[in-house]
């Protein structure tokens, strides 16, 4: 099979032809239709994920069709479309798994980080961590839902009662969540990197009540702020925006250091929380919401062999929405 392999951190992915793997017990072999390009993949390339395995095939927003199954796999049919997210395996035995917090499992393995992912024309996955996907939408449009959408949904679930919500970093995650918030009739306020008029125009097109630079003040106090950009400076900036009792949620797997800030920004029972990974329940609930909500992902497609170009474009903000690789 063809795959794009990251041999070491801080290097380019290399196109390789490797043997197509056979599924072991409990595994399914998928023919990849599309794989999203996520900012976490940039952290992987930059060596910022401490438990990553190298060499590795990145990619954890996989849409594929069942080509073969291992022993013990049931309930799947050949050609069925499945989605594979970031969470690829958990132990099922630790205190976190037993208490419904499998996203915090100390022994978890992650797709495209310790498990070879979807920057390839085939991928293996544990059946238990795959989601059935609809047949009536293009695979490329579904791919960003499997991480950008899921993480945005989990971040939103931490502030269920918030009405006025700030979105920091208007990329793949925020543009999906914006459409969910519109459907729920909750106004959102978009904060972008300084001078990024295209992103602000994009946010307004998707219904933003206001859009501005990340350190501008919104016209109203916010109930919550969700940060999807991996920039620690945004935490005190977001705390300035939320009202007393409000919450700032950090939605990335990696973030630059948070600078010191005066206690008065936190005082008033404001909170700062992080999102760690996802649970399978998150996936089930989010895909149910997507089925009932007119969410359309904005994508830029690249051939698989242009994975390095896609990552470079993501890094410099060369497009709105999400990038997707097509084998």
Protein backbone atom coordinates (compact mmCIF):
# COMPACT_ATOMS: atom_id res chain seq x y z
CA UNK A 1 0.00 0.00 0.00
CA UNK A 2 1.02 3.63 -0.41
CA UNK A 3 1.64 5.65 2.75
CA UNK A 4 3.18 8.96 3.81
CA UNK A 5 5.58 8.18 6.66
CA UNK A 6 7.08 10.55 9.23
CA UNK A 7 10.43 8.98 10.02
CA UNK A 8 11.57 11.47 12.68
CA UNK A 9 10.30 14.74 14.15
CA UNK A 10 11.10 17.94 12.27
CA UNK A 11 11.34 16.13 8.94
CA UNK A 12 9.21 15.88 5.83
CA UNK A 13 6.86 12.95 5.36
CA UNK A 14 8.21 10.40 2.92
CA UNK A 15 6.10 8.53 0.33
CA UNK A 16 6.56 4.79 0.85
CA UNK A 17 5.15 1.55 -0.46
CA UNK A 18 4.70 -0.89 2.42
CA UNK A 19 2.92 -4.25 2.73
CA UNK A 20 -0.81 -3.92 3.32
CA UNK A 21 -1.34 -5.13 6.90
CA UNK A 22 -3.65 -7.99 7.79
CA UNK A 23 -6.18 -7.32 10.55
CA UNK A 24 -5.53 -9.07 13.86
CA UNK A 25 -8.24 -10.14 16.26
CA UNK A 26 -10.75 -7.35 16.78
CA UNK A 27 -9.31 -5.24 13.99
CA UNK A 28 -10.73 -4.05 10.71
CA UNK A 29 -8.78 -3.15 7.57
CA UNK A 30 -10.16 -0.07 5.83
CA UNK A 31 -9.58 1.21 2.34
CA UNK A 32 -9.12 4.90 3.06
CA UNK A 33 -11.44 7.25 1.18
CA UNK A 34 -10.24 10.44 2.85
CA UNK A 35 -8.20 11.58 5.85
CA UNK A 36 -8.34 15.00 7.42
CA UNK A 37 -5.22 17.03 8.15
CA UNK A 38 -5.35 18.22 11.75
CA UNK A 39 -3.29 20.76 13.68
CA UNK A 40 -2.31 17.88 15.98
CA UNK A 41 -0.46 16.44 12.97
CA UNK A 42 1.68 19.59 13.00
CA UNK A 43 2.46 19.01 16.67
CA UNK A 44 3.47 15.46 15.73
CA UNK A 45 5.76 16.74 12.97
CA UNK A 46 7.25 19.32 15.33
CA UNK A 47 7.99 16.71 18.02
CA UNK A 48 5.64 18.31 20.55
CA UNK A 49 3.71 15.15 21.47
CA UNK A 50 5.76 13.41 24.17
CA UNK A 51 4.46 9.85 23.68
CA UNK A 52 4.50 9.76 19.89
CA UNK A 53 6.03 6.79 18.09
CA UNK A 54 8.36 7.26 15.14
CA UNK A 55 8.37 6.27 12.35
CA UNK A 56 4.61 6.76 12.09
CA UNK A 57 1.90 7.17 9.48
CA UNK A 58 -0.01 10.26 10.70
CA UNK A 59 -3.71 10.94 10.31
CA UNK A 60 -6.60 10.49 12.73
CA UNK A 61 -9.62 11.78 10.81
CA UNK A 62 -10.09 8.67 8.69
CA UNK A 63 -13.04 7.81 6.49
CA UNK A 64 -12.78 4.37 4.95
CA UNK A 65 -14.59 1.28 3.79
CA UNK A 66 -14.28 -2.19 5.27
CA UNK A 67 -12.02 -4.37 3.19
CA UNK A 68 -11.19 -7.18 5.65
CA UNK A 69 -11.90 -8.06 9.28
CA UNK A 70 -9.98 -9.97 11.91
CA UNK A 71 -11.16 -12.79 14.11
CA UNK A 72 -13.91 -11.83 16.50
CA UNK A 73 -15.16 -8.84 14.52
CA UNK A 74 -18.93 -8.87 14.15
CA UNK A 75 -21.65 -6.59 12.84
CA UNK A 76 -19.70 -5.17 9.91
CA UNK A 77 -20.18 -5.77 6.21
CA UNK A 78 -17.70 -5.54 3.37
CA UNK A 79 -17.69 -2.04 1.90
CA UNK A 80 -19.35 -0.44 4.92
CA UNK A 81 -18.18 3.12 5.61
CA UNK A 82 -16.56 3.75 8.99
CA UNK A 83 -14.83 6.67 10.66
CA UNK A 84 -11.70 6.35 12.78
CA UNK A 85 -10.94 9.10 15.34
CA UNK A 86 -7.93 10.09 17.47
CA UNK A 87 -8.75 7.67 20.31
CA UNK A 88 -7.64 4.30 18.99
CA UNK A 89 -7.48 2.02 22.04
CA UNK A 90 -7.92 2.09 25.82
CA UNK A 91 -7.21 -0.53 28.47
CA UNK A 92 -10.79 -0.74 29.76
CA UNK A 93 -9.50 -1.58 33.26
CA UNK A 94 -8.04 1.56 34.87
CA UNK A 95 -10.01 3.90 37.13
CA UNK A 96 -10.63 6.30 34.25
CA UNK A 97 -11.99 3.66 31.89
CA UNK A 98 -14.19 2.17 34.60
CA UNK A 99 -15.64 5.57 35.55
CA UNK A 100 -16.62 6.66 32.02
CA UNK A 101 -13.51 8.79 31.43
CA UNK A 102 -11.71 6.62 28.90
CA UNK A 103 -10.31 9.77 27.30
CA UNK A 104 -7.99 10.01 30.33
CA UNK A 105 -6.80 6.38 30.22
CA UNK A 106 -3.10 6.27 31.16
CA UNK A 107 -2.51 3.47 28.67
CA UNK A 108 -4.49 4.86 25.73
CA UNK A 109 -3.14 4.61 22.20
CA UNK A 110 -3.93 7.25 19.60
CA UNK A 111 -4.45 6.96 15.87
CA UNK A 112 -1.68 8.54 13.84
CA UNK A 113 0.47 8.94 16.95
CA UNK A 114 1.18 5.45 18.33
CA UNK A 115 -1.04 3.58 15.84
CA UNK A 116 -0.42 4.06 12.12
CA UNK A 117 -3.09 6.37 10.76
CA UNK A 118 -4.82 7.46 7.60
CA UNK A 119 -2.14 9.17 5.52
CA UNK A 120 -2.25 6.02 3.43
CA UNK A 121 -4.58 4.14 1.12
CA UNK A 122 -5.30 1.51 3.81
CA UNK A 123 -5.48 1.67 7.60
CA UNK A 124 -6.04 -0.76 10.47
CA UNK A 125 -8.33 0.11 13.35
CA UNK A 126 -9.84 -1.51 16.41
CA UNK A 127 -13.49 -2.18 15.59
CA UNK A 128 -14.58 -0.88 18.99
CA UNK A 129 -13.22 2.59 18.20
CA UNK A 130 -14.82 3.04 14.79
CA UNK A 131 -18.03 4.93 14.05
CA UNK A 132 -20.54 4.09 11.30
CA UNK A 133 -20.79 7.01 8.90
CA UNK A 134 -23.52 8.09 6.47
CA UNK A 135 -23.36 7.07 2.83
CA UNK A 136 -25.02 10.18 1.43
CA UNK A 137 -22.15 12.64 1.97
CA UNK A 138 -18.73 12.85 0.29
CA UNK A 139 -15.99 11.20 2.32
CA UNK A 140 -13.85 14.36 2.26
CA UNK A 141 -16.64 16.37 3.91
CA UNK A 142 -16.99 13.79 6.69
CA UNK A 143 -13.30 13.51 7.58
CA UNK A 144 -12.94 16.77 9.60
CA UNK A 145 -15.86 15.75 11.80
CA UNK A 146 -13.74 12.96 13.30
CA UNK A 147 -11.41 15.23 15.26
CA UNK A 148 -12.09 18.91 14.61
CA UNK A 149 -15.79 18.29 15.05
CA UNK A 150 -15.46 15.89 17.97
CA UNK A 151 -13.07 18.07 19.96
CA UNK A 152 -15.25 21.12 19.34
CA UNK A 153 -18.27 19.16 20.55
CA UNK A 154 -16.48 17.99 23.70
CA UNK A 155 -15.34 21.55 24.42
CA UNK A 156 -18.91 22.79 24.03
CA UNK A 157 -20.19 20.04 26.33
CA UNK A 158 -18.13 21.57 29.15
CA UNK A 159 -20.20 24.76 29.01
CA UNK A 160 -23.72 23.40 28.42
CA UNK A 161 -25.50 26.44 29.81
CA UNK A 162 -23.41 29.10 28.05
CA UNK A 163 -25.26 31.26 25.56
CA UNK A 164 -22.80 33.86 24.28
CA UNK A 165 -19.67 31.94 23.27
CA UNK A 166 -16.31 33.12 22.01
CA UNK A 167 -14.39 30.98 19.52
CA UNK A 168 -10.62 31.60 19.42
CA UNK A 169 -8.92 30.36 16.27
CA UNK A 170 -11.48 30.15 13.48
CA UNK A 171 -10.22 27.03 11.72
CA UNK A 172 -11.52 23.51 11.23
CA UNK A 173 -13.00 23.00 14.71
CA UNK A 174 -14.56 26.45 15.07
CA UNK A 175 -16.16 26.49 11.62
CA UNK A 176 -17.93 23.21 12.40
CA UNK A 177 -19.00 24.30 15.86
CA UNK A 178 -20.24 27.64 14.54
CA UNK A 179 -22.86 25.82 12.50
CA UNK A 180 -23.98 23.78 15.51
CA UNK A 181 -24.28 26.98 17.56
CA UNK A 182 -26.34 28.60 14.82
CA UNK A 183 -28.69 25.63 14.86
CA UNK A 184 -28.95 25.90 18.66
CA UNK A 185 -29.56 29.66 18.35
CA UNK A 186 -26.57 30.52 20.53
CA UNK A 187 -24.65 33.61 19.32
CA UNK A 188 -20.91 33.20 18.82
CA UNK A 189 -18.07 35.68 18.60
CA UNK A 190 -15.03 34.86 16.46
CA UNK A 191 -11.47 35.79 17.45
CA UNK A 192 -8.77 35.35 14.81
CA UNK A 193 -5.05 36.02 14.45
CA UNK A 194 -4.35 39.71 14.06
CA UNK A 195 -5.18 41.11 10.66
CA UNK A 196 -6.73 37.91 9.31
CA UNK A 197 -9.59 39.56 7.46
CA UNK A 198 -10.33 36.43 5.44
CA UNK A 199 -10.97 34.37 8.57
CA UNK A 200 -13.15 37.12 10.01
CA UNK A 201 -15.15 37.33 6.79
CA UNK A 202 -15.49 33.54 6.85
CA UNK A 203 -16.76 33.66 10.44
CA UNK A 204 -19.32 36.33 9.60
CA UNK A 205 -20.47 34.28 6.61
CA UNK A 206 -21.12 31.41 9.02
CA UNK A 207 -23.20 33.63 11.28
CA UNK A 208 -20.80 35.24 13.76
CA UNK A 209 -22.42 37.99 15.80
CA UNK A 210 -19.01 39.70 15.78
CA UNK A 211 -15.53 38.91 14.45
CA UNK A 212 -12.24 40.57 15.32
CA UNK A 213 -8.61 40.11 16.30
CA UNK A 214 -7.83 37.77 19.18
CA UNK A 215 -6.93 40.59 21.58
CA UNK A 216 -9.83 42.89 20.65
CA UNK A 217 -12.74 43.21 23.04
CA UNK A 218 -16.05 41.78 21.93
CA UNK A 219 -19.08 44.08 22.23
CA UNK A 220 -20.59 41.96 25.03
CA UNK A 221 -19.39 39.90 27.96
CA UNK A 222 -19.17 36.22 27.12
CA UNK A 223 -20.53 33.27 29.07
CA UNK A 224 -17.69 31.06 27.79
CA UNK A 225 -14.69 31.08 25.48
CA UNK A 226 -13.41 28.04 23.60
CA UNK A 227 -9.78 28.22 22.48
CA UNK A 228 -8.80 26.10 19.47
CA UNK A 229 -5.58 27.94 18.56
CA UNK A 230 -2.50 26.46 20.33
CA UNK A 231 -1.45 29.83 21.74
CA UNK A 232 -1.09 30.20 25.51
CA UNK A 233 -1.35 34.02 25.30
CA UNK A 234 -5.01 33.59 24.44
CA UNK A 235 -5.93 32.26 27.89
CA UNK A 236 -5.62 35.60 29.73
CA UNK A 237 -7.10 37.34 26.69
CA UNK A 238 -10.15 35.07 26.87
CA UNK A 239 -10.45 35.52 30.65
CA UNK A 240 -10.81 39.25 30.02
CA UNK A 241 -13.80 38.51 27.81
CA UNK A 242 -15.82 36.16 30.02
CA UNK A 243 -18.15 37.38 32.71
CA UNK A 244 -18.03 36.34 36.37
CA UNK A 245 -18.78 32.64 36.62
CA UNK A 246 -17.69 32.16 33.00
CA UNK A 247 -15.41 29.44 31.68
CA UNK A 248 -12.43 29.34 29.31
CA UNK A 249 -11.93 25.94 27.66
CA UNK A 250 -8.61 25.05 26.03
CA UNK A 251 -9.45 22.70 23.18
CA UNK A 252 -6.04 21.67 21.85
CA UNK A 253 -3.82 18.71 22.68
CA UNK A 254 -0.81 21.05 22.82
CA UNK A 255 -0.50 24.74 23.64
CA UNK A 256 2.40 27.13 24.09
CA UNK A 257 3.05 28.21 27.66
CA UNK A 258 0.38 30.30 29.32
CA UNK A 259 1.89 33.58 30.56
CA UNK A 260 1.35 34.83 34.08
CA UNK A 261 -1.68 37.04 34.53
CA UNK A 262 -3.23 39.03 37.39
CA UNK A 263 -5.49 37.10 39.71
CA UNK A 264 -8.31 39.58 39.07
CA UNK A 265 -8.82 37.98 35.64
CA UNK A 266 -9.64 34.66 37.29
CA UNK A 267 -11.41 36.07 40.32
CA UNK A 268 -15.19 36.08 40.23
CA UNK A 269 -15.39 32.29 40.00
CA UNK A 270 -14.15 32.19 36.44
CA UNK A 271 -12.71 28.85 35.35
CA UNK A 272 -10.03 27.56 33.00
CA UNK A 273 -10.44 23.97 31.75
CA UNK A 274 -8.79 21.72 29.20
CA UNK A 275 -10.16 19.14 26.81
CA UNK A 276 -8.29 15.84 26.66
CA UNK A 277 -9.00 13.59 23.69
CA UNK A 278 -12.54 12.23 23.38
CA UNK A 279 -14.71 9.32 24.39
CA UNK A 280 -16.67 7.02 22.15
CA UNK A 281 -19.82 8.42 23.71
CA UNK A 282 -18.75 11.87 22.48
CA UNK A 283 -18.51 10.44 18.98
CA UNK A 284 -21.92 8.81 19.09
CA UNK A 285 -23.64 11.92 20.42
CA UNK A 286 -21.89 14.29 18.04
CA UNK A 287 -22.69 12.24 14.95
CA UNK A 288 -26.33 12.17 16.05
CA UNK A 289 -26.25 15.97 16.23
CA UNK A 290 -24.63 16.19 12.79
CA UNK A 291 -27.35 13.97 11.35
CA UNK A 292 -29.98 16.42 12.61
CA UNK A 293 -28.05 19.64 11.94
CA UNK A 294 -27.21 21.28 8.60
CA UNK A 295 -23.43 21.15 9.18
CA UNK A 296 -21.31 21.46 6.04
CA UNK A 297 -17.54 21.32 6.28
CA UNK A 298 -15.49 23.69 4.15
CA UNK A 299 -12.57 21.69 2.77
CA UNK A 300 -9.51 21.94 0.61
CA UNK A 301 -8.58 18.57 -0.88
CA UNK A 302 -5.05 17.40 -1.63
CA UNK A 303 -3.78 14.17 -3.20
CA UNK A 304 -2.18 11.88 -0.61
CA UNK A 305 1.30 12.51 -2.00
CA UNK A 306 0.88 16.24 -1.29
CA UNK A 307 0.58 15.72 2.47
CA UNK A 308 3.62 17.94 3.15
CA UNK A 309 2.05 20.75 1.14
CA UNK A 310 -1.23 20.36 3.02
CA UNK A 311 0.59 20.58 6.37
CA UNK A 312 2.53 23.64 5.24
CA UNK A 313 -0.67 25.36 4.09
CA UNK A 314 -2.33 24.55 7.42
CA UNK A 315 0.61 25.99 9.32
CA UNK A 316 0.47 29.34 7.51
CA UNK A 317 -3.34 29.59 7.36
CA UNK A 318 -3.53 29.38 3.58
CA UNK A 319 -7.17 28.22 3.52
CA UNK A 320 -10.40 28.47 5.47
CA UNK A 321 -11.96 25.38 7.03
CA UNK A 322 -10.10 22.06 6.86
CA UNK A 323 -7.60 20.25 4.67
CA UNK A 324 -8.27 16.66 3.56
CA UNK A 325 -6.02 14.10 1.86
CA UNK A 326 -7.49 11.86 -0.84
CA UNK A 327 -5.58 8.63 -1.64
